[in-house]
Amino acid sequence: MVYSLVVEILTILAFSQAVFVSNLDVACLKCICTASTGCDKSYECSPQGFCGPFFISRKYWEEADKVTLNSDPRYKEDGHEACAKNYNCATKIVSNYMAKNGRDCNNDGITDCDDFARIHFYGEARCENAIERTSYHDRYIACMPPKSTEEKFQKK
């Protein structure tokens, strides 16, 4: 009985599209979403092809292993819009993208939400670019809880 339960759980985990990325938690995802579109869950797609509340491009979706709204393989080539417009599916896209591309962009010694926000905005290759004077950054900072003094000292 216990064996079959363990096998069932492992099977579910093996076929789920969720990945774990350290420091990419619900609050971080919420703030990246807020910075992107005000986390407008009704946001469709821009004329340039950025879709959903996280404003996800087709290229971003492809780099995140083409996460789909359901596991039907027919959606692997055409699933960008459907997944990006669904909040839960879009969080999986962002998680997969960060699992592949996450790094310390602001050179503070820690890969955290500040870095993920930069990566989401610029892409991994340009995430060290200045972000402070953008409306995206303003919305992100307004959403994030202030860092404790202890956290600030740990980074230096």
N, C-alpha and C. Protein backbone atom coordinates (compact mmCIF):
# COMPACT_ATOMS: atom_id res chain seq x y z
N MET A 1 0.83 -1.19 0.00
CA MET A 1 0.00 0.00 0.00
C MET A 1 0.87 1.26 0.00
N VAL A 2 1.82 1.33 0.93
CA VAL A 2 2.70 2.49 1.00
C VAL A 2 3.54 2.58 -0.27
N TYR A 3 3.99 1.42 -0.74
CA TYR A 3 4.79 1.38 -1.97
C TYR A 3 4.01 1.96 -3.15
N SER A 4 2.76 1.57 -3.31
CA SER A 4 1.96 2.08 -4.43
C SER A 4 1.72 3.58 -4.31
N LEU A 5 1.57 4.08 -3.09
CA LEU A 5 1.39 5.51 -2.87
C LEU A 5 2.66 6.26 -3.26
N VAL A 6 3.81 5.73 -2.87
CA VAL A 6 5.09 6.36 -3.22
C VAL A 6 5.27 6.38 -4.74
N VAL A 7 4.96 5.26 -5.39
CA VAL A 7 5.08 5.19 -6.85
C VAL A 7 4.15 6.21 -7.51
N GLU A 8 2.94 6.33 -7.00
CA GLU A 8 1.99 7.29 -7.55
C GLU A 8 2.49 8.72 -7.39
N ILE A 9 3.00 9.06 -6.23
CA ILE A 9 3.52 10.41 -5.99
C ILE A 9 4.71 10.69 -6.90
N LEU A 10 5.62 9.73 -7.01
CA LEU A 10 6.78 9.92 -7.88
C LEU A 10 6.38 10.07 -9.34
N THR A 11 5.37 9.34 -9.76
CA THR A 11 4.87 9.46 -11.13
C THR A 11 4.29 10.85 -11.38
N ILE A 12 3.52 11.34 -10.43
CA ILE A 12 2.94 12.69 -10.56
C ILE A 12 4.05 13.73 -10.64
N LEU A 13 5.04 13.60 -9.76
CA LEU A 13 6.14 14.57 -9.76
C LEU A 13 6.95 14.49 -11.06
N ALA A 14 7.15 13.30 -11.57
CA ALA A 14 7.93 13.14 -12.80
C ALA A 14 7.25 13.78 -14.00
N PHE A 15 5.93 13.76 -14.01
CA PHE A 15 5.22 14.29 -15.17
C PHE A 15 4.70 15.71 -14.97
N SER A 16 4.92 16.28 -13.81
CA SER A 16 4.48 17.67 -13.63
C SER A 16 5.49 18.59 -14.27
N GLN A 17 5.05 19.79 -14.65
CA GLN A 17 5.94 20.73 -15.30
C GLN A 17 6.52 21.74 -14.31
N ALA A 18 6.25 21.56 -13.05
CA ALA A 18 6.72 22.50 -12.04
C ALA A 18 8.18 22.22 -11.71
N VAL A 19 8.95 23.27 -11.53
CA VAL A 19 10.33 23.15 -11.09
C VAL A 19 10.50 24.02 -9.86
N PHE A 20 11.51 23.71 -9.06
CA PHE A 20 11.79 24.52 -7.88
C PHE A 20 13.00 25.39 -8.18
N VAL A 21 12.86 26.67 -7.93
CA VAL A 21 13.97 27.61 -8.08
C VAL A 21 14.12 28.32 -6.75
N SER A 22 15.28 28.18 -6.13
CA SER A 22 15.54 28.82 -4.84
C SER A 22 15.33 30.33 -4.95
N ASN A 23 14.67 30.90 -3.97
CA ASN A 23 14.38 32.34 -3.88
C ASN A 23 13.33 32.84 -4.88
N LEU A 24 12.71 31.95 -5.63
CA LEU A 24 11.61 32.35 -6.52
C LEU A 24 10.33 31.84 -5.88
N ASP A 25 9.78 32.64 -4.98
CA ASP A 25 8.60 32.22 -4.24
C ASP A 25 7.36 32.94 -4.76
N VAL A 26 6.24 32.68 -4.11
CA VAL A 26 4.96 33.27 -4.53
C VAL A 26 5.02 34.79 -4.51
N ALA A 27 5.63 35.37 -3.48
CA ALA A 27 5.73 36.84 -3.39
C ALA A 27 6.57 37.40 -4.53
N CYS A 28 7.65 36.73 -4.86
CA CYS A 28 8.51 37.18 -5.95
C CYS A 28 7.75 37.13 -7.28
N LEU A 29 7.09 36.01 -7.53
CA LEU A 29 6.31 35.88 -8.77
C LEU A 29 5.23 36.96 -8.85
N LYS A 30 4.57 37.22 -7.73
CA LYS A 30 3.53 38.25 -7.70
C LYS A 30 4.11 39.61 -8.07
N CYS A 31 5.29 39.92 -7.55
CA CYS A 31 5.88 41.23 -7.83
C CYS A 31 6.41 41.34 -9.26
N ILE A 32 6.93 40.26 -9.81
CA ILE A 32 7.33 40.27 -11.22
C ILE A 32 6.10 40.47 -12.09
N CYS A 33 5.01 39.81 -11.72
CA CYS A 33 3.74 39.97 -12.45
C CYS A 33 3.23 41.41 -12.34
N THR A 34 3.28 41.95 -11.13
CA THR A 34 2.84 43.33 -10.89
C THR A 34 3.68 44.31 -11.70
N ALA A 35 4.99 44.10 -11.72
CA ALA A 35 5.88 44.98 -12.47
C ALA A 35 5.61 44.88 -13.97
N SER A 36 5.23 43.71 -14.44
CA SER A 36 5.03 43.48 -15.87
C SER A 36 3.78 44.13 -16.43
N THR A 37 2.63 43.91 -15.77
CA THR A 37 1.35 44.43 -16.31
C THR A 37 0.42 44.93 -15.22
N GLY A 38 0.93 45.10 -14.01
CA GLY A 38 0.03 45.37 -12.89
C GLY A 38 -0.66 44.07 -12.48
N CYS A 39 -0.11 42.96 -12.95
CA CYS A 39 -0.66 41.61 -12.76
C CYS A 39 -2.10 41.53 -13.26
N ASP A 40 -2.31 42.11 -14.42
CA ASP A 40 -3.62 42.11 -15.06
C ASP A 40 -3.88 40.73 -15.67
N LYS A 41 -4.66 39.93 -14.97
CA LYS A 41 -4.91 38.55 -15.40
C LYS A 41 -5.82 38.48 -16.62
N SER A 42 -6.38 39.60 -17.02
CA SER A 42 -7.22 39.62 -18.23
C SER A 42 -6.42 40.11 -19.44
N TYR A 43 -5.13 40.43 -19.24
CA TYR A 43 -4.30 40.93 -20.33
C TYR A 43 -4.17 39.86 -21.42
N GLU A 44 -4.46 40.23 -22.64
CA GLU A 44 -4.38 39.30 -23.76
C GLU A 44 -2.94 39.27 -24.30
N CYS A 45 -2.71 39.81 -25.47
CA CYS A 45 -1.38 39.87 -26.07
C CYS A 45 -1.18 41.23 -26.72
N SER A 46 0.04 41.73 -26.63
CA SER A 46 0.37 42.99 -27.30
C SER A 46 0.56 42.72 -28.79
N PRO A 47 0.55 43.77 -29.61
CA PRO A 47 0.81 43.56 -31.05
C PRO A 47 2.18 42.93 -31.31
N GLN A 48 3.10 43.10 -30.37
CA GLN A 48 4.44 42.52 -30.52
C GLN A 48 4.51 41.06 -30.05
N GLY A 49 3.40 40.52 -29.52
CA GLY A 49 3.36 39.12 -29.13
C GLY A 49 3.70 38.82 -27.68
N PHE A 50 3.70 39.85 -26.82
CA PHE A 50 3.91 39.63 -25.39
C PHE A 50 2.54 39.37 -24.77
N CYS A 51 2.41 38.24 -24.07
CA CYS A 51 1.08 37.80 -23.63
C CYS A 51 0.96 37.60 -22.12
N GLY A 52 -0.26 37.81 -21.65
CA GLY A 52 -0.64 37.47 -20.29
C GLY A 52 -0.11 38.42 -19.24
N PRO A 53 -0.43 38.12 -17.98
CA PRO A 53 -0.09 39.02 -16.88
C PRO A 53 1.42 39.20 -16.68
N PHE A 54 2.22 38.24 -17.14
CA PHE A 54 3.68 38.37 -17.02
C PHE A 54 4.31 38.95 -18.29
N PHE A 55 3.48 39.24 -19.33
CA PHE A 55 3.97 39.86 -20.57
C PHE A 55 5.05 38.98 -21.21
N ILE A 56 4.72 37.71 -21.46
CA ILE A 56 5.68 36.70 -21.91
C ILE A 56 5.71 36.61 -23.43
N SER A 57 6.91 36.70 -23.98
CA SER A 57 7.09 36.57 -25.43
C SER A 57 7.16 35.09 -25.83
N ARG A 58 6.99 34.85 -27.09
CA ARG A 58 7.10 33.48 -27.60
C ARG A 58 8.51 32.94 -27.36
N LYS A 59 9.53 33.76 -27.59
CA LYS A 59 10.92 33.33 -27.40
C LYS A 59 11.16 32.93 -25.94
N TYR A 60 10.67 33.73 -25.00
CA TYR A 60 10.80 33.44 -23.57
C TYR A 60 10.15 32.09 -23.27
N TRP A 61 8.93 31.89 -23.80
CA TRP A 61 8.19 30.64 -23.61
C TRP A 61 8.98 29.46 -24.19
N GLU A 62 9.55 29.64 -25.37
CA GLU A 62 10.34 28.57 -25.98
C GLU A 62 11.56 28.23 -25.13
N GLU A 63 12.24 29.25 -24.60
CA GLU A 63 13.41 29.02 -23.74
C GLU A 63 13.03 28.34 -22.43
N ALA A 64 11.77 28.46 -22.05
CA ALA A 64 11.27 27.83 -20.82
C ALA A 64 10.70 26.44 -21.11
N ASP A 65 11.11 25.85 -22.21
CA ASP A 65 10.70 24.49 -22.60
C ASP A 65 9.25 24.36 -23.02
N LYS A 66 8.67 25.44 -23.53
CA LYS A 66 7.31 25.40 -24.09
C LYS A 66 6.29 24.78 -23.14
N VAL A 67 6.23 25.33 -21.95
CA VAL A 67 5.25 24.86 -20.96
C VAL A 67 3.86 25.02 -21.57
N THR A 68 3.00 24.03 -21.36
CA THR A 68 1.66 24.09 -21.92
C THR A 68 0.60 24.08 -20.83
N LEU A 69 -0.56 24.56 -21.19
CA LEU A 69 -1.70 24.63 -20.28
C LEU A 69 -2.13 23.24 -19.83
N ASN A 70 -2.04 22.29 -20.71
CA ASN A 70 -2.27 20.90 -20.32
C ASN A 70 -1.17 20.06 -20.96
N SER A 71 -1.13 18.80 -20.68
CA SER A 71 -0.02 17.97 -21.14
C SER A 71 -0.18 17.44 -22.56
N ASP A 72 -1.18 17.88 -23.28
CA ASP A 72 -1.41 17.43 -24.64
C ASP A 72 -0.24 17.88 -25.53
N PRO A 73 0.49 16.93 -26.14
CA PRO A 73 1.67 17.29 -26.94
C PRO A 73 1.36 18.19 -28.14
N ARG A 74 0.10 18.24 -28.57
CA ARG A 74 -0.25 19.11 -29.71
C ARG A 74 -0.06 20.58 -29.36
N TYR A 75 -0.07 20.91 -28.06
CA TYR A 75 0.08 22.30 -27.63
C TYR A 75 1.54 22.74 -27.58
N LYS A 76 2.49 21.83 -27.75
CA LYS A 76 3.91 22.18 -27.64
C LYS A 76 4.33 23.24 -28.66
N GLU A 77 3.73 23.26 -29.82
CA GLU A 77 4.11 24.24 -30.84
C GLU A 77 3.23 25.47 -30.83
N ASP A 78 2.04 25.36 -30.31
CA ASP A 78 1.08 26.46 -30.37
C ASP A 78 0.56 26.90 -29.02
N GLY A 79 1.22 26.53 -27.95
CA GLY A 79 0.68 26.78 -26.62
C GLY A 79 1.10 28.07 -25.95
N HIS A 80 1.91 28.88 -26.62
CA HIS A 80 2.43 30.10 -25.99
C HIS A 80 1.32 31.00 -25.44
N GLU A 81 0.40 31.40 -26.29
CA GLU A 81 -0.63 32.35 -25.86
C GLU A 81 -1.51 31.78 -24.76
N ALA A 82 -1.98 30.55 -24.94
CA ALA A 82 -2.88 29.95 -23.95
C ALA A 82 -2.22 29.85 -22.58
N CYS A 83 -0.98 29.41 -22.54
CA CYS A 83 -0.29 29.26 -21.26
C CYS A 83 0.06 30.62 -20.66
N ALA A 84 0.59 31.52 -21.48
CA ALA A 84 1.00 32.83 -20.97
C ALA A 84 -0.17 33.63 -20.42
N LYS A 85 -1.38 33.42 -20.95
CA LYS A 85 -2.55 34.17 -20.48
C LYS A 85 -3.19 33.54 -19.24
N ASN A 86 -2.75 32.35 -18.85
CA ASN A 86 -3.26 31.68 -17.66
C ASN A 86 -2.24 31.88 -16.53
N TYR A 87 -2.63 32.53 -15.45
CA TYR A 87 -1.68 32.90 -14.39
C TYR A 87 -0.87 31.71 -13.89
N ASN A 88 -1.53 30.61 -13.56
CA ASN A 88 -0.81 29.46 -13.00
C ASN A 88 0.16 28.87 -14.01
N CYS A 89 -0.25 28.76 -15.24
CA CYS A 89 0.63 28.24 -16.28
C CYS A 89 1.79 29.21 -16.52
N ALA A 90 1.50 30.49 -16.52
CA ALA A 90 2.55 31.51 -16.73
C ALA A 90 3.60 31.46 -15.62
N THR A 91 3.19 31.17 -14.38
CA THR A 91 4.18 31.06 -13.30
C THR A 91 5.12 29.89 -13.56
N LYS A 92 4.63 28.84 -14.20
CA LYS A 92 5.49 27.71 -14.56
C LYS A 92 6.48 28.11 -15.65
N ILE A 93 6.02 28.94 -16.59
CA ILE A 93 6.93 29.44 -17.63
C ILE A 93 8.06 30.23 -16.97
N VAL A 94 7.70 31.15 -16.08
CA VAL A 94 8.70 31.98 -15.41
C VAL A 94 9.65 31.11 -14.59
N SER A 95 9.11 30.15 -13.85
CA SER A 95 9.95 29.25 -13.04
C SER A 95 10.93 28.47 -13.91
N ASN A 96 10.45 27.92 -15.01
CA ASN A 96 11.34 27.18 -15.91
C ASN A 96 12.42 28.09 -16.50
N TYR A 97 12.01 29.29 -16.89
CA TYR A 97 12.96 30.24 -17.47
C TYR A 97 14.05 30.59 -16.46
N MET A 98 13.65 30.82 -15.21
CA MET A 98 14.63 31.17 -14.18
C MET A 98 15.51 29.99 -13.80
N ALA A 99 14.95 28.78 -13.85
CA ALA A 99 15.77 27.59 -13.57
C ALA A 99 16.90 27.48 -14.58
N LYS A 100 16.65 27.86 -15.81
CA LYS A 100 17.67 27.81 -16.86
C LYS A 100 18.59 29.02 -16.85
N ASN A 101 18.05 30.19 -16.55
CA ASN A 101 18.78 31.45 -16.76
C ASN A 101 19.10 32.23 -15.49
N GLY A 102 18.67 31.74 -14.34
CA GLY A 102 18.88 32.49 -13.11
C GLY A 102 20.35 32.68 -12.79
N ARG A 103 20.70 33.89 -12.41
CA ARG A 103 22.07 34.20 -11.99
C ARG A 103 22.07 35.52 -11.23
N ASP A 104 23.19 35.84 -10.62
CA ASP A 104 23.33 37.07 -9.84
C ASP A 104 23.62 38.23 -10.80
N CYS A 105 22.60 38.97 -11.15
CA CYS A 105 22.73 40.06 -12.13
C CYS A 105 23.23 41.36 -11.51
N ASN A 106 22.92 41.59 -10.24
CA ASN A 106 23.30 42.86 -9.62
C ASN A 106 24.58 42.73 -8.79
N ASN A 107 25.25 41.59 -8.91
CA ASN A 107 26.56 41.36 -8.29
C ASN A 107 26.59 41.59 -6.79
N ASP A 108 25.51 41.15 -6.10
CA ASP A 108 25.50 41.28 -4.64
C ASP A 108 25.81 39.94 -3.96
N GLY A 109 26.15 38.93 -4.74
CA GLY A 109 26.53 37.64 -4.18
C GLY A 109 25.38 36.68 -3.94
N ILE A 110 24.16 37.09 -4.24
CA ILE A 110 22.98 36.26 -4.01
C ILE A 110 22.09 36.31 -5.25
N THR A 111 21.61 35.16 -5.67
CA THR A 111 20.62 35.12 -6.75
C THR A 111 19.26 35.11 -6.09
N ASP A 112 18.55 36.23 -6.20
CA ASP A 112 17.26 36.36 -5.52
C ASP A 112 16.25 37.04 -6.43
N CYS A 113 15.14 37.45 -5.87
CA CYS A 113 14.06 38.02 -6.66
C CYS A 113 14.49 39.27 -7.42
N ASP A 114 15.38 40.07 -6.84
CA ASP A 114 15.86 41.25 -7.56
C ASP A 114 16.51 40.84 -8.88
N ASP A 115 17.26 39.75 -8.85
CA ASP A 115 17.90 39.24 -10.07
C ASP A 115 16.86 38.67 -11.03
N PHE A 116 15.90 37.91 -10.49
CA PHE A 116 14.86 37.33 -11.34
C PHE A 116 14.04 38.42 -12.03
N ALA A 117 13.77 39.50 -11.32
CA ALA A 117 13.02 40.61 -11.92
C ALA A 117 13.81 41.21 -13.08
N ARG A 118 15.10 41.36 -12.91
CA ARG A 118 15.96 41.89 -13.97
C ARG A 118 15.99 40.94 -15.17
N ILE A 119 16.13 39.65 -14.88
CA ILE A 119 16.17 38.64 -15.94
C ILE A 119 14.85 38.63 -16.71
N HIS A 120 13.76 38.73 -15.98
CA HIS A 120 12.45 38.74 -16.63
C HIS A 120 12.31 39.96 -17.55
N PHE A 121 12.82 41.09 -17.12
CA PHE A 121 12.69 42.33 -17.89
C PHE A 121 13.63 42.37 -19.10
N TYR A 122 14.90 42.04 -18.87
CA TYR A 122 15.91 42.18 -19.92
C TYR A 122 16.30 40.88 -20.62
N GLY A 123 16.04 39.75 -19.98
CA GLY A 123 16.61 38.49 -20.44
C GLY A 123 17.94 38.29 -19.75
N GLU A 124 18.40 37.06 -19.71
CA GLU A 124 19.62 36.73 -18.96
C GLU A 124 20.85 37.45 -19.48
N ALA A 125 20.98 37.56 -20.77
CA ALA A 125 22.19 38.13 -21.36
C ALA A 125 22.38 39.61 -21.03
N ARG A 126 21.30 40.33 -20.77
CA ARG A 126 21.41 41.78 -20.52
C ARG A 126 20.94 42.17 -19.12
N CYS A 127 20.83 41.22 -18.23
CA CYS A 127 20.23 41.50 -16.92
C CYS A 127 21.07 42.43 -16.04
N GLU A 128 22.31 42.68 -16.40
CA GLU A 128 23.14 43.60 -15.62
C GLU A 128 22.89 45.06 -16.00
N ASN A 129 22.11 45.29 -17.04
CA ASN A 129 21.78 46.66 -17.45
C ASN A 129 21.03 47.39 -16.34
N ALA A 130 21.15 48.71 -16.34
CA ALA A 130 20.45 49.53 -15.35
C ALA A 130 18.95 49.37 -15.53
N ILE A 131 18.28 49.17 -14.43
CA ILE A 131 16.82 48.98 -14.46
C ILE A 131 16.12 50.01 -13.58
N GLU A 132 16.91 50.71 -12.78
CA GLU A 132 16.36 51.59 -11.74
C GLU A 132 15.47 52.72 -12.25
N ARG A 133 15.64 53.17 -13.44
CA ARG A 133 14.84 54.30 -13.94
C ARG A 133 13.73 53.85 -14.89
N THR A 134 13.21 52.66 -14.67
CA THR A 134 12.11 52.16 -15.51
C THR A 134 10.83 52.08 -14.68
N SER A 135 9.71 52.18 -15.34
CA SER A 135 8.43 52.03 -14.62
C SER A 135 8.27 50.59 -14.13
N TYR A 136 8.85 49.63 -14.85
CA TYR A 136 8.84 48.23 -14.41
C TYR A 136 9.49 48.14 -13.03
N HIS A 137 10.66 48.73 -12.87
CA HIS A 137 11.38 48.71 -11.60
C HIS A 137 10.57 49.41 -10.51
N ASP A 138 9.98 50.54 -10.83
CA ASP A 138 9.17 51.26 -9.83
C ASP A 138 8.03 50.39 -9.32
N ARG A 139 7.34 49.70 -10.22
CA ARG A 139 6.23 48.82 -9.80
C ARG A 139 6.75 47.63 -9.00
N TYR A 140 7.90 47.10 -9.40
CA TYR A 140 8.50 45.97 -8.68
C TYR A 140 8.87 46.38 -7.25
N ILE A 141 9.55 47.49 -7.10
CA ILE A 141 9.97 47.97 -5.77
C ILE A 141 8.76 48.27 -4.89
N ALA A 142 7.72 48.86 -5.45
CA ALA A 142 6.51 49.16 -4.68
C ALA A 142 5.84 47.88 -4.17
N CYS A 143 6.00 46.80 -4.90
CA CYS A 143 5.37 45.53 -4.53
C CYS A 143 6.19 44.75 -3.50
N MET A 144 7.51 44.78 -3.62
CA MET A 144 8.37 43.96 -2.75
C MET A 144 8.39 44.50 -1.32
N PRO A 145 8.31 43.59 -0.35
CA PRO A 145 8.45 44.05 1.04
C PRO A 145 9.88 44.54 1.26
N PRO A 146 10.05 45.53 2.13
CA PRO A 146 11.41 46.03 2.38
C PRO A 146 12.29 44.93 2.97
N LYS A 147 13.56 44.95 2.61
CA LYS A 147 14.49 43.95 3.13
C LYS A 147 14.91 44.33 4.54
N SER A 148 15.07 43.32 5.36
CA SER A 148 15.50 43.56 6.74
C SER A 148 16.96 43.99 6.75
N THR A 149 17.37 44.63 7.83
CA THR A 149 18.76 45.05 7.98
C THR A 149 19.68 43.84 7.92
N GLU A 150 19.27 42.74 8.53
CA GLU A 150 20.07 41.52 8.53
C GLU A 150 20.31 41.03 7.10
N GLU A 151 19.27 41.02 6.27
CA GLU A 151 19.41 40.58 4.88
C GLU A 151 20.37 41.49 4.12
N LYS A 152 20.30 42.80 4.36
CA LYS A 152 21.18 43.74 3.67
C LYS A 152 22.63 43.47 4.02
N PHE A 153 22.92 43.17 5.31
CA PHE A 153 24.29 42.92 5.73
C PHE A 153 24.80 41.58 5.20
N GLN A 154 23.94 40.59 5.05
CA GLN A 154 24.36 39.30 4.53
C GLN A 154 24.80 39.40 3.09
N LYS A 155 24.29 40.35 2.35
CA LYS A 155 24.61 40.49 0.94
C LYS A 155 25.97 41.15 0.71
N LYS A 156 26.49 41.84 1.71
CA LYS A 156 27.73 42.59 1.50
C LYS A 156 28.95 41.83 1.94
